[in-house]
Protein backbone atom coordinates (compact mmCIF):
# COMPACT_ATOMS: atom_id res chain seq x y z
CA MET A 1 -143.81 17.06 -74.79
CA SER A 2 -141.86 13.83 -75.58
CA ASP A 3 -138.19 13.28 -74.59
CA PRO A 4 -137.36 16.86 -73.61
CA ALA A 5 -133.68 17.73 -73.65
CA SER A 6 -132.18 18.65 -70.25
CA VAL A 7 -131.65 22.34 -69.74
CA THR A 8 -127.96 21.55 -69.00
CA ASP A 9 -127.39 19.57 -72.30
CA SER A 10 -125.80 21.19 -75.33
CA ALA A 11 -128.31 22.10 -78.10
CA PHE A 12 -125.83 20.73 -80.52
CA ARG A 13 -125.16 17.03 -81.36
CA PRO A 14 -121.69 15.94 -80.36
CA ALA A 15 -119.09 15.80 -83.24
CA ARG A 16 -118.24 12.28 -82.46
CA GLU A 17 -121.92 11.23 -82.89
CA GLU A 18 -122.31 13.10 -86.08
CA VAL A 19 -119.22 11.78 -87.61
CA ARG A 20 -120.12 8.19 -86.69
CA GLU A 21 -123.59 8.43 -88.19
CA VAL A 22 -122.73 10.15 -91.45
CA PRO A 23 -124.18 8.13 -94.37
CA HIS A 24 -121.83 6.56 -97.08
CA GLU A 25 -120.98 9.59 -99.39
CA THR A 26 -121.23 9.32 -102.98
CA ARG A 27 -117.62 9.39 -104.43
CA THR A 28 -117.06 12.29 -106.62
CA PRO A 29 -113.98 14.44 -107.53
CA GLN A 30 -115.31 16.99 -105.06
CA THR A 31 -115.69 14.43 -102.11
CA GLU A 32 -112.28 12.84 -102.88
CA SER A 33 -110.51 16.25 -102.64
CA ALA A 34 -108.52 16.91 -99.40
CA ALA A 35 -110.20 20.27 -99.12
CA TYR A 36 -113.57 18.41 -98.60
CA ARG A 37 -112.28 16.52 -95.40
CA LEU A 38 -113.41 17.75 -92.08
CA ALA A 39 -110.62 19.85 -90.71
CA PHE A 40 -110.19 17.84 -87.46
CA GLN A 41 -110.01 14.62 -89.35
CA ASP A 42 -107.45 15.94 -91.93
CA ASN A 43 -103.97 14.91 -90.72
CA GLU A 44 -102.20 16.55 -93.63
CA PHE A 45 -103.88 19.81 -92.62
CA LEU A 46 -103.21 19.40 -88.97
CA LEU A 47 -99.45 18.87 -89.58
CA ARG A 48 -98.94 22.04 -91.62
CA PRO A 49 -96.47 24.48 -89.98
CA ASP A 50 -99.23 27.09 -89.68
CA LEU A 51 -101.03 24.62 -87.35
CA ARG A 52 -98.28 24.51 -84.74
CA PRO A 53 -100.22 26.52 -82.14
CA VAL A 54 -103.20 24.14 -82.50
CA ARG A 55 -100.89 21.14 -82.02
CA PHE A 56 -99.36 22.82 -78.99
CA GLN A 57 -102.93 23.25 -77.49
CA LEU A 58 -103.79 19.76 -78.29
CA GLU A 59 -100.74 18.32 -76.63
CA LEU A 60 -101.45 20.45 -73.55
CA LEU A 61 -105.08 19.37 -73.40
CA LYS A 62 -104.95 15.67 -73.96
CA PRO A 63 -102.91 14.51 -71.08
CA GLU A 64 -104.50 17.08 -68.84
CA LEU A 65 -108.08 15.92 -69.59
CA LEU A 66 -107.08 12.21 -69.22
CA LEU A 67 -105.27 12.78 -65.92
CA ASP A 68 -108.19 14.68 -64.55
CA GLU A 69 -110.58 11.85 -65.53
CA ALA A 70 -108.18 9.36 -63.78
CA LYS A 71 -108.41 11.56 -60.65
CA ILE A 72 -104.75 12.07 -60.43
CA SER A 73 -104.30 15.08 -58.13
CA SER A 74 -100.43 15.06 -57.75
CA THR A 75 -97.37 13.09 -59.07
CA PHE A 76 -94.01 12.01 -57.75
CA VAL A 77 -91.74 12.65 -60.79
CA PHE A 78 -88.60 10.53 -61.46
CA TYR A 79 -85.84 11.81 -63.74
CA GLY A 80 -82.62 9.97 -64.66
CA SER A 81 -80.60 8.15 -67.27
CA ALA A 82 -81.90 5.87 -69.98
CA ARG A 83 -78.61 3.91 -69.92
CA ILE A 84 -78.16 2.66 -66.42
CA PRO A 85 -78.73 -0.99 -66.20
CA SER A 86 -81.04 -2.93 -63.72
CA PRO A 87 -79.00 -4.96 -61.24
CA GLU A 88 -79.89 -8.13 -63.10
CA ASP A 89 -78.65 -6.82 -66.49
CA ALA A 90 -75.46 -5.06 -65.11
CA GLN A 91 -73.15 -8.25 -65.66
CA ALA A 92 -74.51 -8.78 -69.20
CA LEU A 93 -73.70 -5.01 -70.00
CA MET A 94 -70.03 -5.49 -68.86
CA ASP A 95 -69.61 -8.93 -70.63
CA ALA A 96 -70.86 -7.33 -73.96
CA ALA A 97 -68.15 -4.52 -73.81
CA GLY A 98 -65.24 -4.85 -76.30
CA SER A 99 -62.71 -2.26 -76.13
CA ASP A 100 -60.98 -0.94 -73.03
CA GLN A 101 -62.95 2.33 -73.22
CA GLU A 102 -66.26 0.33 -73.66
CA ARG A 103 -65.48 -1.87 -70.63
CA ALA A 104 -64.66 1.27 -68.51
CA ILE A 105 -68.05 2.80 -69.47
CA ALA A 106 -69.87 -0.35 -68.97
CA GLN A 107 -68.30 -0.73 -65.50
CA SER A 108 -69.27 2.80 -64.61
CA LEU A 109 -72.88 2.26 -65.74
CA ALA A 110 -73.08 -1.14 -63.96
CA ALA A 111 -71.87 0.54 -60.67
CA LYS A 112 -74.82 2.85 -60.97
CA SER A 113 -77.31 -0.14 -61.13
CA LYS A 114 -77.90 0.46 -57.46
CA TYR A 115 -79.81 3.60 -58.39
CA TYR A 116 -82.20 1.39 -60.41
CA ALA A 117 -82.92 -0.41 -57.35
CA GLU A 118 -83.32 2.56 -55.14
CA ALA A 119 -85.68 4.22 -57.78
CA ARG A 120 -87.78 1.03 -57.81
CA LYS A 121 -88.03 1.00 -53.96
CA LEU A 122 -88.82 4.70 -53.79
CA ALA A 123 -91.58 4.30 -56.29
CA GLN A 124 -92.95 1.34 -54.36
CA ILE A 125 -93.23 3.46 -51.27
CA ALA A 126 -94.76 6.52 -53.03
CA ALA A 127 -97.30 4.24 -54.94
CA ARG A 128 -98.71 3.00 -51.67
CA TYR A 129 -99.82 6.41 -50.72
CA PRO A 130 -103.54 5.90 -50.04
CA VAL A 131 -106.33 7.10 -52.27
CA ASN A 132 -108.20 9.72 -50.47
CA ALA A 133 -111.95 9.56 -49.57
CA GLU A 134 -112.88 11.39 -52.75
CA GLY A 135 -111.07 8.84 -54.96
CA CYS A 136 -108.26 11.14 -55.77
CA ARG A 137 -104.67 9.81 -56.22
CA ASN A 138 -101.61 11.69 -54.89
CA PHE A 139 -97.88 11.06 -55.43
CA VAL A 140 -98.74 8.98 -58.47
CA VAL A 141 -95.38 7.76 -59.92
CA CYS A 142 -94.58 9.53 -63.18
CA SER A 143 -91.47 9.03 -65.37
CA GLY A 144 -90.46 9.52 -68.99
CA GLY A 145 -91.76 6.14 -69.72
CA GLY A 146 -88.55 4.91 -71.22
CA PRO A 147 -85.88 2.32 -70.01
CA SER A 148 -83.47 2.41 -67.18
CA ILE A 149 -84.24 4.78 -64.37
CA MET A 150 -87.62 5.49 -65.84
CA GLU A 151 -88.51 1.95 -66.10
CA ALA A 152 -87.43 1.35 -62.41
CA ALA A 153 -89.85 4.04 -61.34
CA ASN A 154 -92.77 2.55 -63.27
CA ARG A 155 -91.83 -0.92 -62.28
CA GLY A 156 -91.78 -0.05 -58.58
CA ALA A 157 -95.45 1.28 -58.82
CA ALA A 158 -96.51 -1.63 -60.89
CA ASP A 159 -94.87 -4.01 -58.09
CA VAL A 160 -97.50 -2.77 -55.71
CA GLY A 161 -100.47 -2.78 -58.08
CA ALA A 162 -100.57 0.99 -58.57
CA LYS A 163 -101.24 3.04 -61.62
CA THR A 164 -98.29 4.76 -63.03
CA ILE A 165 -97.63 7.35 -65.62
CA GLY A 166 -95.23 7.45 -68.59
CA MET A 167 -94.60 10.50 -70.75
CA ASN A 168 -92.70 9.32 -73.87
CA ILE A 169 -91.34 11.45 -76.61
CA LEU A 170 -91.27 11.06 -80.28
CA LEU A 171 -87.59 10.71 -81.35
CA PRO A 172 -85.91 9.98 -84.65
CA HIS A 173 -84.86 6.54 -83.24
CA GLU A 174 -87.32 4.16 -81.78
CA GLN A 175 -88.47 5.03 -78.31
CA ALA A 176 -91.18 2.69 -76.98
CA PRO A 177 -92.69 2.93 -73.52
CA ASN A 178 -91.55 0.50 -71.02
CA ARG A 179 -93.99 -2.39 -70.18
CA PHE A 180 -94.55 -1.20 -66.64
CA VAL A 181 -96.45 1.95 -67.59
CA THR A 182 -100.25 1.93 -67.14
CA PRO A 183 -101.57 1.69 -70.70
CA GLU A 184 -104.27 4.25 -70.30
CA LEU A 185 -101.72 6.62 -68.69
CA SER A 186 -99.04 6.17 -71.39
CA PHE A 187 -98.62 9.30 -73.22
CA ARG A 188 -96.50 10.33 -76.32
CA PHE A 189 -95.34 13.92 -77.05
CA HIS A 190 -93.93 15.54 -80.07
CA TYR A 191 -92.81 18.76 -78.20
CA PHE A 192 -90.23 18.42 -75.38
CA ALA A 193 -91.62 21.76 -74.01
CA LEU A 194 -95.07 20.50 -73.59
CA ARG A 195 -93.82 17.27 -72.07
CA LYS A 196 -91.76 19.05 -69.51
CA MET A 197 -94.79 21.18 -68.65
CA HIS A 198 -96.75 18.06 -67.92
CA PHE A 199 -93.95 16.80 -65.68
CA THR A 200 -94.24 19.92 -63.51
CA LEU A 201 -97.95 20.60 -63.63
CA ARG A 202 -98.90 18.00 -60.94
CA ALA A 203 -95.39 17.40 -59.49
CA ARG A 204 -95.41 17.43 -55.62
CA ALA A 205 -92.19 15.65 -55.34
CA LEU A 206 -89.09 14.96 -57.56
CA ALA A 207 -86.38 12.39 -57.52
CA VAL A 208 -83.39 13.00 -59.76
CA PHE A 209 -80.87 10.23 -60.44
CA PRO A 210 -77.63 10.30 -62.41
CA GLY A 211 -78.33 11.16 -66.09
CA GLY A 212 -77.29 12.90 -69.19
CA PHE A 213 -78.39 15.96 -71.18
CA GLY A 214 -82.14 15.07 -70.95
CA THR A 215 -81.86 14.71 -67.18
CA PHE A 216 -79.88 18.01 -66.97
CA ASP A 217 -82.45 19.79 -68.99
CA GLU A 218 -85.41 18.53 -66.99
CA PHE A 219 -83.79 19.02 -63.61
CA PHE A 220 -82.27 22.48 -64.19
CA GLU A 221 -85.64 23.70 -65.81
CA LEU A 222 -87.50 22.76 -62.61
CA LEU A 223 -84.92 24.27 -60.35
CA THR A 224 -85.17 27.53 -62.33
CA LEU A 225 -89.02 27.53 -61.96
CA ILE A 226 -88.76 27.17 -58.26
CA GLN A 227 -85.79 29.70 -57.83
CA THR A 228 -87.64 32.32 -59.90
CA GLY A 229 -90.93 31.79 -58.00
CA LYS A 230 -92.77 30.54 -61.12
CA MET A 231 -93.46 27.36 -59.25
CA LYS A 232 -94.06 26.61 -55.59
CA ARG A 233 -91.24 24.78 -53.81
CA ILE A 234 -91.44 20.90 -53.74
CA PRO A 235 -88.99 18.49 -52.24
CA ILE A 236 -86.22 17.79 -54.77
CA LEU A 237 -84.26 14.51 -54.16
CA LEU A 238 -80.85 14.33 -55.62
CA TYR A 239 -79.37 10.80 -55.74
CA GLY A 240 -75.67 10.25 -56.30
CA LYS A 241 -73.72 13.09 -54.62
CA GLU A 242 -70.50 11.58 -55.91
CA PHE A 243 -71.71 11.70 -59.34
CA TRP A 244 -73.40 15.14 -59.32
CA THR A 245 -70.57 16.98 -57.54
CA ARG A 246 -68.07 15.52 -60.12
CA VAL A 247 -70.14 16.78 -63.20
CA VAL A 248 -71.54 19.93 -61.72
CA ASN A 249 -69.95 22.22 -59.09
CA PHE A 250 -72.95 23.57 -57.31
CA GLU A 251 -70.73 25.25 -54.61
CA ALA A 252 -68.70 27.09 -57.27
CA LEU A 253 -71.91 28.50 -58.84
CA ALA A 254 -72.66 30.10 -55.34
CA GLU A 255 -69.02 31.22 -54.85
CA GLU A 256 -69.02 32.89 -58.24
CA GLY A 257 -72.32 34.78 -57.26
CA VAL A 258 -74.38 33.54 -60.21
CA ILE A 259 -76.68 31.78 -57.82
CA ALA A 260 -77.35 32.54 -54.11
CA HIS A 261 -76.20 30.21 -51.43
CA ARG A 262 -79.78 29.78 -50.25
CA ASP A 263 -80.51 28.39 -53.80
CA LEU A 264 -78.48 25.32 -52.76
CA GLU A 265 -81.12 24.51 -50.06
CA LEU A 266 -83.53 23.53 -52.77
CA ILE A 267 -81.59 20.35 -53.17
CA ASN A 268 -81.77 17.41 -50.82
CA TRP A 269 -78.91 14.93 -51.09
CA VAL A 270 -80.02 11.43 -50.54
CA GLU A 271 -78.81 7.88 -51.43
CA THR A 272 -81.58 5.57 -50.31
CA ALA A 273 -85.38 5.19 -50.98
CA GLU A 274 -86.04 5.46 -47.23
CA GLU A 275 -84.00 8.69 -46.95
CA GLY A 276 -85.89 10.18 -49.90
CA TRP A 277 -89.35 9.43 -48.67
CA ALA A 278 -88.43 10.70 -45.23
CA VAL A 279 -87.50 14.11 -46.81
CA VAL A 280 -90.96 14.13 -48.62
CA GLU A 281 -92.77 13.20 -45.35
CA GLN A 282 -90.98 15.92 -43.44
CA PHE A 283 -91.77 18.59 -46.14
CA TYR A 284 -95.53 17.75 -46.06
CA GLU A 285 -95.85 17.06 -42.35
CA GLY A 286 -99.24 18.04 -41.06
CA GLN A 287 -100.68 18.50 -44.61
CA ASP A 288 -103.29 16.46 -46.14
CA ALA A 289 -103.45 15.60 -49.87
CA PRO A 290 -106.77 16.89 -51.23
CA CYS A 291 -108.15 16.45 -54.73
CA ARG A 292 -106.63 18.77 -57.25
CA GLU A 293 -108.07 22.27 -57.51
CA GLU A 294 -109.75 22.91 -60.75
């Protein structure tokens, strides 16, 4: 018996192989028809409204499979504004302001550039977490892949030569990934819901910096998942107490009875990278970081 197939191999040829080796087809009205295209190669078919459940599944599976292949067991997720400048760009932002209102906003954002620096330092610390004996990576820095705080997180990991994840989103205006995201770990999503799911699936720590609607959406969804027991508790680091207590009255929520006072214990108020990492270390004290369970 020559070249026997392994008993563990599939009896069918891989689709990739068959598509690659298909001979040149004779062009006829039939073969030129959209109906004749292979379903998985027909973009117009895949983009039909009826195929939304399939697109959901593809958007769930693609990052999941690639992150598994990269042996990424857990992530350290960073949320925050796309508008806060880096310390080196803060002055330029203020110089470009025109009206009094623009100058006031620019000054407010420039004052928050310290959080860009702290996010970058925290990412440097997390990204140095050692790869375990099985080659699995833990506390891999993960951001939305965009500018500002997201860039700071990916930049910090890149500073120390570590791989870092960016989960970008398709928007009506241009939204390119920042240059510090590891190319093979740079993902783009159509659905906000699937993007947020991937933020939480591997998250073992979360750092939240001052931000707007997007940051609120991501932060409060994760808080809700933990509060309701849908997700195991992880350390949540909230940077910028002066900002957050001005825009959200957490104590009033408890006093009004719409959350419990113990729910406030889910939040760890911190201001520096070192304080934040100390909270994470204390939370996981005595625990190792094994490879992700299948």
